[in-house]
Amino acid sequence: MKIAIPVKLNNENPPVAPFFGKAKWFAFIDNGQIEIKANPSHGGKSVIQWFIDEKIDAIIMQEMGASPYQMIQSHGGMKVYHSGYERILLQDLLEKFNAHELALLDEIKMQEVIVHHKRKHPHSHHHDGEKDQRNHHRQGH
């Protein structure tokens, strides 16, 4: 199984990035091997296309908007797991995943994540790249 996880940094044990489509880096886990790759995309739907090209089987994320999730559903085959909303490091998240402690999202659970995402990250503003990523979502994490 090849897994993709949005992360904040390119290091050995980075924190998980809260905003899926705006993550600067993604950790790709394939048979226990971890590779961190820079996000070449701008937004969730283009990230999903990248994952389709990379043959990703599962995504673990905190927050995602409706458009990328709809693209996952229309593509089929990719599973989406929720990491929870708390700050967590990659290794701790992988331990939870391997212990089957993460929720596999279905349509109903994903709607809860999308509603949470919209409340905390309205899409009516313009993004300011890295500054937005660092400063927009500090409270409560």
Protein backbone atom coordinates (compact mmCIF):
# COMPACT_ATOMS: atom_id res chain seq x y z
CA MET A 1 0.00 0.00 0.00
CA LYS A 2 1.34 3.42 -0.99
CA ILE A 3 0.24 6.20 1.39
CA ALA A 4 0.46 10.00 1.06
CA ILE A 5 0.41 12.36 4.05
CA PRO A 6 0.70 16.19 3.93
CA VAL A 7 3.58 17.38 6.12
CA LYS A 8 4.95 20.78 7.12
CA LEU A 9 8.69 20.16 6.68
CA ASN A 10 11.16 18.07 4.75
CA ASN A 11 12.83 16.28 7.64
CA GLU A 12 12.90 12.86 9.28
CA ASN A 13 9.82 13.26 11.50
CA PRO A 14 7.84 16.31 10.39
CA PRO A 15 4.51 17.45 11.83
CA VAL A 16 1.45 16.70 9.73
CA ALA A 17 0.23 19.74 7.77
CA PRO A 18 -3.38 20.63 8.58
CA PHE A 19 -4.40 21.91 5.13
CA PHE A 20 -4.22 19.15 2.55
CA GLY A 21 -4.02 21.11 -0.71
CA LYS A 22 -1.74 23.83 0.64
CA ALA A 23 0.87 21.50 2.19
CA LYS A 24 4.38 22.32 0.98
CA TRP A 25 5.50 18.69 1.33
CA PHE A 26 4.00 15.21 1.21
CA ALA A 27 5.36 12.09 2.84
CA PHE A 28 5.00 9.04 0.62
CA ILE A 29 5.13 5.75 2.50
CA ASP A 30 5.64 2.62 0.43
CA ASN A 31 6.40 -0.69 2.16
CA GLY A 32 7.75 1.10 5.23
CA GLN A 33 10.02 3.41 3.23
CA ILE A 34 9.36 7.14 3.70
CA GLU A 35 10.12 9.69 1.00
CA ILE A 36 9.30 13.39 1.39
CA LYS A 37 8.45 15.16 -1.86
CA ALA A 38 7.78 18.84 -2.53
CA ASN A 39 4.19 19.57 -3.50
CA PRO A 40 4.32 20.61 -7.19
CA SER A 41 0.62 21.41 -7.19
CA HIS A 42 -1.48 24.42 -6.23
CA GLY A 43 -4.66 23.25 -4.56
CA GLY A 44 -6.34 20.01 -3.62
CA LYS A 45 -7.61 18.85 -7.02
CA SER A 46 -4.18 19.08 -8.66
CA VAL A 47 -2.70 17.22 -5.67
CA ILE A 48 -5.21 14.42 -6.26
CA GLN A 49 -4.19 14.22 -9.93
CA TRP A 50 -0.55 13.99 -8.79
CA PHE A 51 -1.53 11.15 -6.42
CA ILE A 52 -3.35 9.34 -9.22
CA ASP A 53 -0.17 9.59 -11.31
CA GLU A 54 1.90 8.35 -8.32
CA LYS A 55 -0.54 5.42 -7.83
CA ILE A 56 -1.37 6.36 -4.24
CA ASP A 57 -3.64 3.84 -2.47
CA ALA A 58 -4.46 5.85 0.67
CA ILE A 59 -4.34 9.41 1.98
CA ILE A 60 -4.10 10.35 5.65
CA MET A 61 -5.09 13.96 6.33
CA GLN A 62 -6.54 16.41 8.84
CA GLU A 63 -8.59 18.77 6.66
CA MET A 64 -9.69 18.69 3.04
CA GLY A 65 -12.23 20.62 1.02
CA ALA A 66 -15.10 19.12 -0.94
CA SER A 67 -13.54 19.38 -4.43
CA PRO A 68 -10.51 17.14 -3.84
CA TYR A 69 -12.68 14.61 -2.02
CA GLN A 70 -15.15 14.52 -4.92
CA MET A 71 -12.24 13.93 -7.29
CA ILE A 72 -11.05 11.02 -5.12
CA GLN A 73 -14.55 9.56 -5.19
CA SER A 74 -14.88 9.90 -8.96
CA HIS A 75 -11.46 8.30 -9.48
CA GLY A 76 -12.23 5.44 -7.10
CA GLY A 77 -9.80 3.19 -5.32
CA MET A 78 -8.11 5.71 -3.01
CA LYS A 79 -8.95 5.40 0.67
CA VAL A 80 -8.99 8.49 2.90
CA TYR A 81 -8.13 8.28 6.60
CA HIS A 82 -8.55 11.06 9.16
CA SER A 83 -5.58 11.84 11.40
CA GLY A 84 -7.70 13.82 13.87
CA TYR A 85 -7.33 17.57 14.35
CA GLU A 86 -4.57 17.62 16.95
CA ARG A 87 -0.94 18.36 16.09
CA ILE A 88 0.85 15.09 15.41
CA LEU A 89 4.25 14.05 14.09
CA LEU A 90 4.57 11.73 11.11
CA GLN A 91 6.01 8.77 13.07
CA ASP A 92 3.25 8.96 15.70
CA LEU A 93 0.63 9.11 12.96
CA LEU A 94 2.12 6.06 11.22
CA GLU A 95 2.06 4.15 14.51
CA LYS A 96 -1.66 4.97 14.89
CA PHE A 97 -2.31 3.94 11.29
CA ASN A 98 -0.47 0.63 11.70
CA ALA A 99 -2.44 -0.04 14.90
CA HIS A 100 -5.71 0.55 12.96
CA GLU A 101 -6.57 3.56 15.17
CA LEU A 102 -7.44 6.01 12.37
CA ALA A 103 -10.94 6.47 11.00
CA LEU A 104 -11.49 5.43 7.40
CA LEU A 105 -13.66 8.22 6.05
CA ASP A 106 -16.96 7.47 4.40
CA GLU A 107 -19.31 10.03 2.88
CA ILE A 108 -20.87 11.01 6.24
CA LYS A 109 -17.58 11.31 8.17
CA MET A 110 -15.99 13.22 5.29
CA GLN A 111 -18.86 15.75 5.36
CA GLU A 112 -17.99 16.45 9.02
CA VAL A 113 -14.35 17.09 8.02
CA ILE A 114 -15.44 19.37 5.16
CA VAL A 115 -17.74 21.37 7.46
CA HIS A 116 -14.89 21.71 10.00
CA HIS A 117 -12.54 22.80 7.20
CA LYS A 118 -14.98 25.45 5.89
CA ARG A 119 -15.48 26.90 9.39
CA LYS A 120 -11.75 27.23 10.03
CA HIS A 121 -10.60 28.03 6.49
CA PRO A 122 -13.13 30.01 4.45
CA HIS A 123 -12.28 30.09 0.76
CA SER A 124 -13.46 33.67 0.20
CA HIS A 125 -9.96 35.11 0.74
CA HIS A 126 -6.78 34.99 -1.31
CA HIS A 127 -3.98 32.76 -0.15
CA ASP A 128 -0.58 34.25 0.52
CA GLY A 129 1.52 31.13 0.04
CA GLU A 130 3.85 30.19 2.86
CA LYS A 131 2.79 33.00 5.23
CA ASP A 132 -0.82 31.83 5.00
CA GLN A 133 0.22 28.24 5.69
CA ARG A 134 2.22 29.17 8.80
CA ASN A 135 -0.01 31.77 10.39
CA HIS A 136 -3.58 31.04 9.41
CA HIS A 137 -4.22 27.98 11.51
CA ARG A 138 -2.22 28.22 14.74
CA GLN A 139 -5.03 28.43 17.25
CA GLY A 140 -6.00 25.16 18.88
CA HIS A 141 -3.22 22.99 17.48
